[in-house]
């Protein structure tokens, strides 16, 4: 839908996720507002009315602190470090909450090993 709107020069939608439902555990932790906005299309053009997505995510970890540790110790550039840290934490939290969902079974062992390696490499 978003890609189609961009191809047809229509205004792309702004998407706001619903509030957490029964699938999300609302335990104590850090609550983040995650935002994603298209700033440049595949062809290099800048959209006049960019598509965007905003949602809330609860994490037991300080994701911003993890991003800083990644930037200082992963060997990746600043943007890549942020993308890996945020993406891994978002996916990992959902997998923890959805521990009985077989959708994530193929990822569990590999993600666990990857996170352990990141922690070791970026420990301060």
PDB file of N, CA and C in Angstrom:
ATOM      1  N   UNK A   1       0.823  -1.188   0.000  1.00  0.00           N
ATOM      2  CA  UNK A   1       0.000   0.000   0.000  1.00  0.00           C
ATOM      3  C   UNK A   1       0.867   1.252   0.000  1.00  0.00           C
ATOM      4  N   UNK A   2       1.881   1.303   0.858  1.00  0.00           N
ATOM      5  CA  UNK A   2       2.733   2.481   0.900  1.00  0.00           C
ATOM      6  C   UNK A   2       3.500   2.612  -0.400  1.00  0.00           C
ATOM      7  N   UNK A   3       4.124   1.516  -0.851  1.00  0.00           N
ATOM      8  CA  UNK A   3       4.870   1.557  -2.097  1.00  0.00           C
ATOM      9  C   UNK A   3       3.986   1.942  -3.264  1.00  0.00           C
ATOM     10  N   UNK A   4       2.767   1.436  -3.308  1.00  0.00           N
ATOM     11  CA  UNK A   4       1.824   1.762  -4.379  1.00  0.00           C
ATOM     12  C   UNK A   4       1.483   3.247  -4.372  1.00  0.00           C
ATOM     13  N   UNK A   5       1.270   3.829  -3.193  1.00  0.00           N
ATOM     14  CA  UNK A   5       0.950   5.253  -3.101  1.00  0.00           C
ATOM     15  C   UNK A   5       2.103   6.086  -3.639  1.00  0.00           C
ATOM     16  N   UNK A   6       3.350   5.663  -3.368  1.00  0.00           N
ATOM     17  CA  UNK A   6       4.499   6.410  -3.853  1.00  0.00           C
ATOM     18  C   UNK A   6       4.618   6.310  -5.362  1.00  0.00           C
ATOM     19  N   UNK A   7       4.343   5.122  -5.909  1.00  0.00           N
ATOM     20  CA  UNK A   7       4.416   4.935  -7.347  1.00  0.00           C
ATOM     21  C   UNK A   7       3.366   5.768  -8.071  1.00  0.00           C
ATOM     22  N   UNK A   8       2.185   5.925  -7.472  1.00  0.00           N
ATOM     23  CA  UNK A   8       1.084   6.631  -8.108  1.00  0.00           C
ATOM     24  C   UNK A   8       1.061   8.113  -7.748  1.00  0.00           C
ATOM     25  N   UNK A   9       2.098   8.608  -7.037  1.00  0.00           N
ATOM     26  CA  UNK A   9       2.170  10.003  -6.601  1.00  0.00           C
ATOM     27  C   UNK A   9       0.992  10.401  -5.726  1.00  0.00           C
ATOM     28  N   UNK A  10       0.443   9.446  -4.998  1.00  0.00           N
ATOM     29  CA  UNK A  10      -0.619   9.741  -4.047  1.00  0.00           C
ATOM     30  C   UNK A  10       0.025   9.998  -2.696  1.00  0.00           C
ATOM     31  N   UNK A  11      -0.715  10.626  -1.809  1.00  0.00           N
ATOM     32  CA  UNK A  11      -0.209  10.845  -0.459  1.00  0.00           C
ATOM     33  C   UNK A  11      -0.141   9.518   0.272  1.00  0.00           C
ATOM     34  N   UNK A  12       1.031   9.152   0.763  1.00  0.00           N
ATOM     35  CA  UNK A  12       1.141   7.903   1.501  1.00  0.00           C
ATOM     36  C   UNK A  12       0.509   8.040   2.881  1.00  0.00           C
ATOM     37  N   UNK A  13       0.138   6.923   3.466  1.00  0.00           N
ATOM     38  CA  UNK A  13      -0.539   6.977   4.762  1.00  0.00           C
ATOM     39  C   UNK A  13       0.430   7.196   5.908  1.00  0.00           C
ATOM     40  N   UNK A  14      -0.090   7.735   6.977  1.00  0.00           N
ATOM     41  CA  UNK A  14       0.608   7.749   8.251  1.00  0.00           C
ATOM     42  C   UNK A  14      -0.043   6.648   9.064  1.00  0.00           C
ATOM     43  N   UNK A  15       0.768   5.754   9.587  1.00  0.00           N
ATOM     44  CA  UNK A  15       0.265   4.582  10.295  1.00  0.00           C
ATOM     45  C   UNK A  15       0.583   4.729  11.770  1.00  0.00           C
ATOM     46  N   UNK A  16      -0.416   4.573  12.605  1.00  0.00           N
ATOM     47  CA  UNK A  16      -0.220   4.576  14.049  1.00  0.00           C
ATOM     48  C   UNK A  16      -0.685   3.224  14.553  1.00  0.00           C
ATOM     49  N   UNK A  17       0.200   2.517  15.215  1.00  0.00           N
ATOM     50  CA  UNK A  17      -0.154   1.203  15.750  1.00  0.00           C
ATOM     51  C   UNK A  17      -1.130   1.362  16.903  1.00  0.00           C
ATOM     52  N   UNK A  18      -1.922   0.325  17.120  1.00  0.00           N
ATOM     53  CA  UNK A  18      -2.877   0.341  18.222  1.00  0.00           C
ATOM     54  C   UNK A  18      -2.127   0.207  19.535  1.00  0.00           C
ATOM     55  N   UNK A  19      -2.786   0.582  20.604  1.00  0.00           N
ATOM     56  CA  UNK A  19      -2.211   0.408  21.929  1.00  0.00           C
ATOM     57  C   UNK A  19      -1.992  -1.081  22.178  1.00  0.00           C
ATOM     58  N   UNK A  20      -1.043  -1.414  23.040  1.00  0.00           N
ATOM     59  CA  UNK A  20      -0.768  -2.819  23.332  1.00  0.00           C
ATOM     60  C   UNK A  20      -2.022  -3.569  23.764  1.00  0.00           C
ATOM     61  N   UNK A  21      -2.125  -4.802  23.304  1.00  0.00           N
ATOM     62  CA  UNK A  21      -3.273  -5.639  23.643  1.00  0.00           C
ATOM     63  C   UNK A  21      -2.811  -6.798  24.504  1.00  0.00           C
ATOM     64  N   UNK A  22      -3.613  -7.820  24.580  1.00  0.00           N
ATOM     65  CA  UNK A  22      -3.305  -8.949  25.450  1.00  0.00           C
ATOM     66  C   UNK A  22      -1.996  -9.630  25.086  1.00  0.00           C
ATOM     67  N   UNK A  23      -1.524  -9.520  23.871  1.00  0.00           N
ATOM     68  CA  UNK A  23      -0.275 -10.150  23.474  1.00  0.00           C
ATOM     69  C   UNK A  23       0.944  -9.466  24.056  1.00  0.00           C
ATOM     70  N   UNK A  24       0.805  -8.246  24.528  1.00  0.00           N
ATOM     71  CA  UNK A  24       1.946  -7.502  25.045  1.00  0.00           C
ATOM     72  C   UNK A  24       1.868  -7.427  26.558  1.00  0.00           C
ATOM     73  N   UNK A  25       2.931  -7.827  27.198  1.00  0.00           N
ATOM     74  CA  UNK A  25       2.999  -7.764  28.649  1.00  0.00           C
ATOM     75  C   UNK A  25       3.372  -6.343  29.036  1.00  0.00           C
ATOM     76  N   UNK A  26       2.565  -5.731  29.853  1.00  0.00           N
ATOM     77  CA  UNK A  26       2.822  -4.355  30.262  1.00  0.00           C
ATOM     78  C   UNK A  26       3.522  -4.349  31.618  1.00  0.00           C
ATOM     79  N   UNK A  27       4.695  -4.969  31.675  1.00  0.00           N
ATOM     80  CA  UNK A  27       5.478  -5.003  32.901  1.00  0.00           C
ATOM     81  C   UNK A  27       6.260  -3.703  33.019  1.00  0.00           C
ATOM     82  N   UNK A  28       6.869  -3.537  34.179  1.00  0.00           N
ATOM     83  CA  UNK A  28       7.692  -2.345  34.336  1.00  0.00           C
ATOM     84  C   UNK A  28       8.857  -2.431  33.364  1.00  0.00           C
ATOM     85  N   UNK A  29       9.277  -1.297  32.921  1.00  0.00           N
ATOM     86  CA  UNK A  29      10.372  -1.241  31.964  1.00  0.00           C
ATOM     87  C   UNK A  29      10.397   0.118  31.322  1.00  0.00           C
ATOM     88  N   UNK A  30      11.121   0.204  30.260  1.00  0.00           N
ATOM     89  CA  UNK A  30      11.229   1.437  29.495  1.00  0.00           C
ATOM     90  C   UNK A  30      10.187   1.418  28.389  1.00  0.00           C
ATOM     91  N   UNK A  31       9.445   2.504  28.229  1.00  0.00           N
ATOM     92  CA  UNK A  31       8.480   2.610  27.144  1.00  0.00           C
ATOM     93  C   UNK A  31       9.028   3.586  26.120  1.00  0.00           C
ATOM     94  N   UNK A  32       9.117   3.134  24.885  1.00  0.00           N
ATOM     95  CA  UNK A  32       9.668   3.935  23.797  1.00  0.00           C
ATOM     96  C   UNK A  32       8.603   4.214  22.758  1.00  0.00           C
ATOM     97  N   UNK A  33       8.699   5.366  22.142  1.00  0.00           N
ATOM     98  CA  UNK A  33       7.897   5.658  20.951  1.00  0.00           C
ATOM     99  C   UNK A  33       8.838   5.476  19.771  1.00  0.00           C
ATOM    100  N   UNK A  34       8.517   4.538  18.918  1.00  0.00           N
ATOM    101  CA  UNK A  34       9.337   4.227  17.752  1.00  0.00           C
ATOM    102  C   UNK A  34       8.700   4.900  16.543  1.00  0.00           C
ATOM    103  N   UNK A  35       9.509   5.646  15.800  1.00  0.00           N
ATOM    104  CA  UNK A  35       9.010   6.344  14.618  1.00  0.00           C
ATOM    105  C   UNK A  35       9.873   5.998  13.415  1.00  0.00           C
ATOM    106  N   UNK A  36       9.236   5.846  12.291  1.00  0.00           N
ATOM    107  CA  UNK A  36       9.906   5.559  11.037  1.00  0.00           C
ATOM    108  C   UNK A  36       9.276   6.452   9.986  1.00  0.00           C
ATOM    109  N   UNK A  37      10.111   7.177   9.244  1.00  0.00           N
ATOM    110  CA  UNK A  37       9.594   8.101   8.239  1.00  0.00           C
ATOM    111  C   UNK A  37      10.422   7.959   6.967  1.00  0.00           C
ATOM    112  N   UNK A  38       9.754   7.832   5.849  1.00  0.00           N
ATOM    113  CA  UNK A  38      10.438   7.760   4.562  1.00  0.00           C
ATOM    114  C   UNK A  38      11.013   9.133   4.230  1.00  0.00           C
ATOM    115  N   UNK A  39      12.326   9.218   4.057  1.00  0.00           N
ATOM    116  CA  UNK A  39      12.951  10.498   3.721  1.00  0.00           C
ATOM    117  C   UNK A  39      13.434  10.555   2.275  1.00  0.00           C
ATOM    118  N   UNK A  40      13.629   9.386   1.662  1.00  0.00           N
ATOM    119  CA  UNK A  40      14.053   9.337   0.273  1.00  0.00           C
ATOM    120  C   UNK A  40      13.577   8.032  -0.330  1.00  0.00           C
ATOM    121  N   UNK A  41      12.967   8.111  -1.489  1.00  0.00           N
ATOM    122  CA  UNK A  41      12.459   6.920  -2.172  1.00  0.00           C
ATOM    123  C   UNK A  41      13.615   6.170  -2.841  1.00  0.00           C
ATOM    124  N   UNK A  42      13.347   4.983  -3.302  1.00  0.00           N
ATOM    125  CA  UNK A  42      14.342   4.144  -3.954  1.00  0.00           C
ATOM    126  C   UNK A  42      15.023   4.859  -5.117  1.00  0.00           C
ATOM    127  N   UNK A  43      14.271   5.672  -5.838  1.00  0.00           N
ATOM    128  CA  UNK A  43      14.821   6.389  -6.992  1.00  0.00           C
ATOM    129  C   UNK A  43      15.558   7.659  -6.600  1.00  0.00           C
ATOM    130  N   UNK A  44      15.672   7.943  -5.314  1.00  0.00           N
ATOM    131  CA  UNK A  44      16.394   9.116  -4.832  1.00  0.00           C
ATOM    132  C   UNK A  44      15.532  10.346  -4.622  1.00  0.00           C
ATOM    133  N   UNK A  45      14.276  10.275  -5.043  1.00  0.00           N
ATOM    134  CA  UNK A  45      13.401  11.440  -4.885  1.00  0.00           C
ATOM    135  C   UNK A  45      12.973  11.603  -3.424  1.00  0.00           C
ATOM    136  N   UNK A  46      12.725  12.845  -3.061  1.00  0.00           N
ATOM    137  CA  UNK A  46      12.276  13.168  -1.708  1.00  0.00           C
ATOM    138  C   UNK A  46      10.759  13.344  -1.752  1.00  0.00           C
ATOM    139  N   UNK A  47      10.021  12.522  -0.991  1.00  0.00           N
ATOM    140  CA  UNK A  47       8.558  12.623  -1.020  1.00  0.00           C
ATOM    141  C   UNK A  47       8.069  13.936  -0.417  1.00  0.00           C
ATOM    142  N   UNK A  48       7.032  14.494  -1.024  1.00  0.00           N
ATOM    143  CA  UNK A  48       6.459  15.737  -0.493  1.00  0.00           C
ATOM    144  C   UNK A  48       5.597  15.472   0.727  1.00  0.00           C
ATOM    145  N   UNK A  49       5.001  14.303   0.800  1.00  0.00           N
ATOM    146  CA  UNK A  49       4.169  13.910   1.936  1.00  0.00           C
ATOM    147  C   UNK A  49       4.588  12.497   2.341  1.00  0.00           C
ATOM    148  N   UNK A  50       5.684  12.374   3.079  1.00  0.00           N
ATOM    149  CA  UNK A  50       6.264  11.055   3.337  1.00  0.00           C
ATOM    150  C   UNK A  50       5.399  10.154   4.212  1.00  0.00           C
ATOM    151  N   UNK A  51       5.462   8.870   3.899  1.00  0.00           N
ATOM    152  CA  UNK A  51       4.801   7.860   4.724  1.00  0.00           C
ATOM    153  C   UNK A  51       5.542   7.768   6.051  1.00  0.00           C
ATOM    154  N   UNK A  52       4.803   7.461   7.103  1.00  0.00           N
ATOM    155  CA  UNK A  52       5.442   7.311   8.409  1.00  0.00           C
ATOM    156  C   UNK A  52       4.714   6.257   9.228  1.00  0.00           C
ATOM    157  N   UNK A  53       5.406   5.761  10.233  1.00  0.00           N
ATOM    158  CA  UNK A  53       4.877   4.751  11.141  1.00  0.00           C
ATOM    159  C   UNK A  53       5.336   5.114  12.540  1.00  0.00           C
ATOM    160  N   UNK A  54       4.431   5.073  13.505  1.00  0.00           N
ATOM    161  CA  UNK A  54       4.762   5.345  14.901  1.00  0.00           C
ATOM    162  C   UNK A  54       4.057   4.320  15.777  1.00  0.00           C
ATOM    163  N   UNK A  55       4.805   3.761  16.741  1.00  0.00           N
ATOM    164  CA  UNK A  55       4.194   2.827  17.684  1.00  0.00           C
ATOM    165  C   UNK A  55       4.976   2.858  18.984  1.00  0.00           C
ATOM    166  N   UNK A  56       4.370   2.334  20.042  1.00  0.00           N
ATOM    167  CA  UNK A  56       5.041   2.235  21.329  1.00  0.00           C
ATOM    168  C   UNK A  56       5.548   0.822  21.539  1.00  0.00           C
ATOM    169  N   UNK A  57       6.660   0.744  22.256  1.00  0.00           N
ATOM    170  CA  UNK A  57       7.268  -0.561  22.549  1.00  0.00           C
ATOM    171  C   UNK A  57       7.837  -0.511  23.964  1.00  0.00           C
ATOM    172  N   UNK A  58       7.547  -1.529  24.758  1.00  0.00           N
ATOM    173  CA  UNK A  58       8.077  -1.628  26.115  1.00  0.00           C
ATOM    174  C   UNK A  58       9.243  -2.606  26.109  1.00  0.00           C
ATOM    175  N   UNK A  59      10.341  -2.190  26.715  1.00  0.00           N
ATOM    176  CA  UNK A  59      11.530  -3.035  26.783  1.00  0.00           C
ATOM    177  C   UNK A  59      12.030  -3.093  28.218  1.00  0.00           C
ATOM    178  N   UNK A  60      12.581  -4.236  28.593  1.00  0.00           N
ATOM    179  CA  UNK A  60      13.181  -4.346  29.919  1.00  0.00           C
ATOM    180  C   UNK A  60      14.580  -3.734  29.942  1.00  0.00           C
ATOM    181  N   UNK A  61      15.101  -3.368  28.785  1.00  0.00           N
ATOM    182  CA  UNK A  61      16.441  -2.799  28.674  1.00  0.00           C
ATOM    183  C   UNK A  61      16.401  -1.326  28.281  1.00  0.00           C
ATOM    184  N   UNK A  62      17.482  -0.635  28.591  1.00  0.00           N
ATOM    185  CA  UNK A  62      17.694   0.739  28.164  1.00  0.00           C
ATOM    186  C   UNK A  62      18.244   0.684  26.733  1.00  0.00           C
ATOM    187  N   UNK A  63      17.364   0.759  25.760  1.00  0.00           N
ATOM    188  CA  UNK A  63      17.773   0.608  24.355  1.00  0.00           C
ATOM    189  C   UNK A  63      18.728   1.725  23.945  1.00  0.00           C
ATOM    190  N   UNK A  64      18.517   2.935  24.425  1.00  0.00           N
ATOM    191  CA  UNK A  64      19.407   4.030  24.058  1.00  0.00           C
ATOM    192  C   UNK A  64      20.825   3.787  24.591  1.00  0.00           C
ATOM    193  N   UNK A  65      20.935   3.222  25.771  1.00  0.00           N
ATOM    194  CA  UNK A  65      22.248   2.855  26.310  1.00  0.00           C
ATOM    195  C   UNK A  65      22.897   1.762  25.472  1.00  0.00           C
ATOM    196  N   UNK A  66      22.109   0.817  25.027  1.00  0.00           N
ATOM    197  CA  UNK A  66      22.624  -0.261  24.176  1.00  0.00           C
ATOM    198  C   UNK A  66      23.130   0.304  22.849  1.00  0.00           C
ATOM    199  N   UNK A  67      22.389   1.266  22.285  1.00  0.00           N
ATOM    200  CA  UNK A  67      22.833   1.900  21.040  1.00  0.00           C
ATOM    201  C   UNK A  67      24.201   2.554  21.253  1.00  0.00           C
ATOM    202  N   UNK A  68      24.378   3.259  22.355  1.00  0.00           N
ATOM    203  CA  UNK A  68      25.668   3.908  22.626  1.00  0.00           C
ATOM    204  C   UNK A  68      26.787   2.887  22.759  1.00  0.00           C
ATOM    205  N   UNK A  69      26.532   1.785  23.455  1.00  0.00           N
ATOM    206  CA  UNK A  69      27.551   0.739  23.580  1.00  0.00           C
ATOM    207  C   UNK A  69      27.878   0.136  22.221  1.00  0.00           C
ATOM    208  N   UNK A  70      26.852  -0.053  21.395  1.00  0.00           N
ATOM    209  CA  UNK A  70      27.081  -0.584  20.041  1.00  0.00           C
ATOM    210  C   UNK A  70      27.931   0.389  19.225  1.00  0.00           C
ATOM    211  N   UNK A  71      27.630   1.674  19.330  1.00  0.00           N
ATOM    212  CA  UNK A  71      28.382   2.684  18.567  1.00  0.00           C
ATOM    213  C   UNK A  71      29.847   2.725  19.007  1.00  0.00           C
ATOM    214  N   UNK A  72      30.096   2.443  20.273  1.00  0.00           N
ATOM    215  CA  UNK A  72      31.460   2.513  20.791  1.00  0.00           C
ATOM    216  C   UNK A  72      32.249   1.216  20.644  1.00  0.00           C
ATOM    217  N   UNK A  73      31.578   0.090  20.440  1.00  0.00           N
ATOM    218  CA  UNK A  73      32.338  -1.154  20.467  1.00  0.00           C
ATOM    219  C   UNK A  73      32.057  -2.175  19.383  1.00  0.00           C
ATOM    220  N   UNK A  74      31.134  -1.898  18.477  1.00  0.00           N
ATOM    221  CA  UNK A  74      30.779  -2.926  17.500  1.00  0.00           C
ATOM    222  C   UNK A  74      31.628  -2.898  16.240  1.00  0.00           C
ATOM    223  N   UNK A  75      32.277  -1.764  15.970  1.00  0.00           N
ATOM    224  CA  UNK A  75      33.019  -1.640  14.719  1.00  0.00           C
ATOM    225  C   UNK A  75      32.144  -1.209  13.557  1.00  0.00           C
ATOM    226  N   UNK A  76      30.852  -1.030  13.807  1.00  0.00           N
ATOM    227  CA  UNK A  76      29.923  -0.560  12.774  1.00  0.00           C
ATOM    228  C   UNK A  76      29.852   0.961  12.817  1.00  0.00           C
ATOM    229  N   UNK A  77      29.415   1.563  11.703  1.00  0.00           N
ATOM    230  CA  UNK A  77      29.225   3.016  11.739  1.00  0.00           C
ATOM    231  C   UNK A  77      28.023   3.347  12.621  1.00  0.00           C
ATOM    232  N   UNK A  78      27.849   4.623  12.895  1.00  0.00           N
ATOM    233  CA  UNK A  78      26.835   5.080  13.842  1.00  0.00           C
ATOM    234  C   UNK A  78      25.425   4.632  13.462  1.00  0.00           C
ATOM    235  N   UNK A  79      25.037   4.809  12.209  1.00  0.00           N
ATOM    236  CA  UNK A  79      23.695   4.428  11.774  1.00  0.00           C
ATOM    237  C   UNK A  79      23.505   2.916  11.796  1.00  0.00           C
ATOM    238  N   UNK A  80      24.503   2.179  11.338  1.00  0.00           N
ATOM    239  CA  UNK A  80      24.398   0.714  11.351  1.00  0.00           C
ATOM    240  C   UNK A  80      24.309   0.197  12.782  1.00  0.00           C
ATOM    241  N   UNK A  81      25.086   0.791  13.685  1.00  0.00           N
ATOM    242  CA  UNK A  81      25.031   0.386  15.094  1.00  0.00           C
ATOM    243  C   UNK A  81      23.645   0.600  15.676  1.00  0.00           C
ATOM    244  N   UNK A  82      23.058   1.766  15.397  1.00  0.00           N
ATOM    245  CA  UNK A  82      21.716   2.061  15.899  1.00  0.00           C
ATOM    246  C   UNK A  82      20.695   1.094  15.316  1.00  0.00           C
ATOM    247  N   UNK A  83      20.788   0.825  14.019  1.00  0.00           N
ATOM    248  CA  UNK A  83      19.828  -0.074  13.372  1.00  0.00           C
ATOM    249  C   UNK A  83      19.913  -1.488  13.944  1.00  0.00           C
ATOM    250  N   UNK A  84      21.127  -1.993  14.131  1.00  0.00           N
ATOM    251  CA  UNK A  84      21.301  -3.346  14.680  1.00  0.00           C
ATOM    252  C   UNK A  84      20.798  -3.401  16.117  1.00  0.00           C
ATOM    253  N   UNK A  85      21.163  -2.422  16.923  1.00  0.00           N
ATOM    254  CA  UNK A  85      20.744  -2.425  18.330  1.00  0.00           C
ATOM    255  C   UNK A  85      19.230  -2.340  18.463  1.00  0.00           C
ATOM    256  N   UNK A  86      18.621  -1.386  17.787  1.00  0.00           N
ATOM    257  CA  UNK A  86      17.170  -1.193  17.900  1.00  0.00           C
ATOM    258  C   UNK A  86      16.428  -2.388  17.298  1.00  0.00           C
ATOM    259  N   UNK A  87      16.832  -2.814  16.123  1.00  0.00           N
ATOM    260  CA  UNK A  87      16.152  -3.945  15.477  1.00  0.00           C
ATOM    261  C   UNK A  87      16.238  -5.218  16.295  1.00  0.00           C
ATOM    262  N   UNK A  88      17.425  -5.490  16.830  1.00  0.00           N
ATOM    263  CA  UNK A  88      17.618  -6.705  17.632  1.00  0.00           C
ATOM    264  C   UNK A  88      16.792  -6.645  18.911  1.00  0.00           C
ATOM    265  N   UNK A  89      16.787  -5.486  19.586  1.00  0.00           N
ATOM    266  CA  UNK A  89      16.020  -5.367  20.821  1.00  0.00           C
ATOM    267  C   UNK A  89      14.516  -5.467  20.570  1.00  0.00           C
ATOM    268  N   UNK A  90      14.028  -4.839  19.511  1.00  0.00           N
ATOM    269  CA  UNK A  90      12.589  -4.926  19.219  1.00  0.00           C
ATOM    270  C   UNK A  90      12.196  -6.374  18.935  1.00  0.00           C
ATOM    271  N   UNK A  91      12.959  -7.030  18.073  1.00  0.00           N
ATOM    272  CA  UNK A  91      12.658  -8.421  17.739  1.00  0.00           C
ATOM    273  C   UNK A  91      12.782  -9.321  18.968  1.00  0.00           C
ATOM    274  N   UNK A  92      13.848  -9.134  19.731  1.00  0.00           N
ATOM    275  CA  UNK A  92      14.068  -9.972  20.907  1.00  0.00           C
ATOM    276  C   UNK A  92      12.954  -9.852  21.938  1.00  0.00           C
ATOM    277  N   UNK A  93      12.493  -8.639  22.186  1.00  0.00           N
ATOM    278  CA  UNK A  93      11.397  -8.439  23.150  1.00  0.00           C
ATOM    279  C   UNK A  93      10.110  -9.107  22.681  1.00  0.00           C
ATOM    280  N   UNK A  94       9.816  -8.976  21.404  1.00  0.00           N
ATOM    281  CA  UNK A  94       8.603  -9.618  20.879  1.00  0.00           C
ATOM    282  C   UNK A  94       8.735 -11.137  21.005  1.00  0.00           C
ATOM    283  N   UNK A  95       9.912 -11.658  20.708  1.00  0.00           N
ATOM    284  CA  UNK A  95      10.110 -13.112  20.830  1.00  0.00           C
ATOM    285  C   UNK A  95       9.951 -13.588  22.270  1.00  0.00           C
ATOM    286  N   UNK A  96      10.410 -12.792  23.229  1.00  0.00           N
ATOM    287  CA  UNK A  96      10.244 -13.148  24.647  1.00  0.00           C
ATOM    288  C   UNK A  96       8.759 -13.180  25.001  1.00  0.00           C
ATOM    289  N   UNK A  97       8.027 -12.163  24.568  1.00  0.00           N
ATOM    290  CA  UNK A  97       6.599 -12.097  24.889  1.00  0.00           C
ATOM    291  C   UNK A  97       5.808 -13.189  24.174  1.00  0.00           C
ATOM    292  N   UNK A  98       6.283 -13.581  23.019  1.00  0.00           N
ATOM    293  CA  UNK A  98       5.588 -14.583  22.200  1.00  0.00           C
ATOM    294  C   UNK A  98       6.331 -15.913  22.230  1.00  0.00           C
ATOM    295  N   UNK A  99       6.791 -16.304  23.430  1.00  0.00           N
ATOM    296  CA  UNK A  99       7.648 -17.483  23.536  1.00  0.00           C
ATOM    297  C   UNK A  99       6.997 -18.779  23.074  1.00  0.00           C
ATOM    298  N   UNK A 100       5.687 -18.820  23.028  1.00  0.00           N
ATOM    299  CA  UNK A 100       5.007 -20.034  22.562  1.00  0.00           C
ATOM    300  C   UNK A 100       4.614 -19.969  21.094  1.00  0.00           C
ATOM    301  N   UNK A 101       4.907 -18.861  20.445  1.00  0.00           N
ATOM    302  CA  UNK A 101       4.538 -18.697  19.037  1.00  0.00           C
ATOM    303  C   UNK A 101       5.592 -19.376  18.152  1.00  0.00           C
ATOM    304  N   UNK A 102       5.194 -20.403  17.400  1.00  0.00           N
ATOM    305  CA  UNK A 102       6.157 -21.142  16.574  1.00  0.00           C
ATOM    306  C   UNK A 102       6.747 -20.319  15.429  1.00  0.00           C
ATOM    307  N   UNK A 103       6.166 -19.171  15.147  1.00  0.00           N
ATOM    308  CA  UNK A 103       6.697 -18.304  14.096  1.00  0.00           C
ATOM    309  C   UNK A 103       8.177 -17.989  14.331  1.00  0.00           C
ATOM    310  N   UNK A 104       8.559 -17.859  15.607  1.00  0.00           N
ATOM    311  CA  UNK A 104       9.920 -17.453  15.940  1.00  0.00           C
ATOM    312  C   UNK A 104      10.869 -18.617  16.190  1.00  0.00           C
ATOM    313  N   UNK A 105      10.384 -19.844  16.154  1.00  0.00           N
ATOM    314  CA  UNK A 105      11.230 -20.996  16.450  1.00  0.00           C
ATOM    315  C   UNK A 105      12.518 -21.043  15.623  1.00  0.00           C
ATOM    316  N   UNK A 106      12.478 -20.780  14.319  1.00  0.00           N
ATOM    317  CA  UNK A 106      13.727 -20.852  13.545  1.00  0.00           C
ATOM    318  C   UNK A 106      14.772 -19.813  13.959  1.00  0.00           C
ATOM    319  N   UNK A 107      14.356 -18.744  14.621  1.00  0.00           N
ATOM    320  CA  UNK A 107      15.275 -17.673  14.988  1.00  0.00           C
ATOM    321  C   UNK A 107      15.860 -17.791  16.385  1.00  0.00           C
ATOM    322  N   UNK A 108      15.210 -18.534  17.253  1.00  0.00           N
ATOM    323  CA  UNK A 108      15.543 -18.497  18.676  1.00  0.00           C
ATOM    324  C   UNK A 108      17.014 -18.771  18.983  1.00  0.00           C
ATOM    325  N   UNK A 109      17.554 -19.892  18.557  1.00  0.00           N
ATOM    326  CA  UNK A 109      18.941 -20.245  18.897  1.00  0.00           C
ATOM    327  C   UNK A 109      19.918 -19.249  18.273  1.00  0.00           C
ATOM    328  N   UNK A 110      19.715 -18.917  17.026  1.00  0.00           N
ATOM    329  CA  UNK A 110      20.628 -18.000  16.348  1.00  0.00           C
ATOM    330  C   UNK A 110      20.614 -16.611  16.946  1.00  0.00           C
ATOM    331  N   UNK A 111      19.434 -16.098  17.290  1.00  0.00           N
ATOM    332  CA  UNK A 111      19.342 -14.767  17.869  1.00  0.00           C
ATOM    333  C   UNK A 111      19.984 -14.741  19.250  1.00  0.00           C
ATOM    334  N   UNK A 112      19.765 -15.793  20.021  1.00  0.00           N
ATOM    335  CA  UNK A 112      20.371 -15.880  21.352  1.00  0.00           C
ATOM    336  C   UNK A 112      21.899 -15.846  21.244  1.00  0.00           C
ATOM    337  N   UNK A 113      22.445 -16.609  20.324  1.00  0.00           N
ATOM    338  CA  UNK A 113      23.896 -16.648  20.118  1.00  0.00           C
ATOM    339  C   UNK A 113      24.427 -15.285  19.641  1.00  0.00           C
ATOM    340  N   UNK A 114      23.689 -14.644  18.727  1.00  0.00           N
ATOM    341  CA  UNK A 114      24.072 -13.334  18.204  1.00  0.00           C
ATOM    342  C   UNK A 114      24.101 -12.288  19.312  1.00  0.00           C
ATOM    343  N   UNK A 115      23.059 -12.262  20.152  1.00  0.00           N
ATOM    344  CA  UNK A 115      22.993 -11.294  21.249  1.00  0.00           C
ATOM    345  C   UNK A 115      24.115 -11.527  22.252  1.00  0.00           C
ATOM    346  N   UNK A 116      24.396 -12.778  22.565  1.00  0.00           N
ATOM    347  CA  UNK A 116      25.497 -13.099  23.496  1.00  0.00           C
ATOM    348  C   UNK A 116      26.827 -12.585  22.927  1.00  0.00           C
ATOM    349  N   UNK A 117      27.041 -12.765  21.639  1.00  0.00           N
ATOM    350  CA  UNK A 117      28.263 -12.292  20.996  1.00  0.00           C
ATOM    351  C   UNK A 117      28.341 -10.759  21.017  1.00  0.00           C
ATOM    352  N   UNK A 118      27.215 -10.086  20.750  1.00  0.00           N
ATOM    353  CA  UNK A 118      27.194  -8.625  20.804  1.00  0.00           C
ATOM    354  C   UNK A 118      27.520  -8.117  22.200  1.00  0.00           C
ATOM    355  N   UNK A 119      26.919  -8.747  23.209  1.00  0.00           N
ATOM    356  CA  UNK A 119      27.162  -8.319  24.587  1.00  0.00           C
ATOM    357  C   UNK A 119      28.627  -8.445  24.931  1.00  0.00           C
ATOM    358  N   UNK A 120      29.253  -9.534  24.513  1.00  0.00           N
ATOM    359  CA  UNK A 120      30.653  -9.756  24.804  1.00  0.00           C
ATOM    360  C   UNK A 120      31.531  -8.725  24.088  1.00  0.00           C
ATOM    361  N   UNK A 121      31.212  -8.435  22.851  1.00  0.00           N
ATOM    362  CA  UNK A 121      32.013  -7.505  22.059  1.00  0.00           C
ATOM    363  C   UNK A 121      31.862  -6.055  22.515  1.00  0.00           C
ATOM    364  N   UNK A 122      30.664  -5.687  22.992  1.00  0.00           N
ATOM    365  CA  UNK A 122      30.401  -4.290  23.333  1.00  0.00           C
ATOM    366  C   UNK A 122      30.395  -4.019  24.834  1.00  0.00           C
ATOM    367  N   UNK A 123      30.792  -4.988  25.633  1.00  0.00           N
ATOM    368  CA  UNK A 123      30.828  -4.800  27.094  1.00  0.00           C
ATOM    369  C   UNK A 123      31.775  -3.667  27.436  1.00  0.00           C
ATOM    370  N   UNK A 124      31.343  -2.859  28.398  1.00  0.00           N
ATOM    371  CA  UNK A 124      32.196  -1.716  28.794  1.00  0.00           C
ATOM    372  C   UNK A 124      32.808  -1.937  30.152  1.00  0.00           C
TER     373      UNK A 124
END
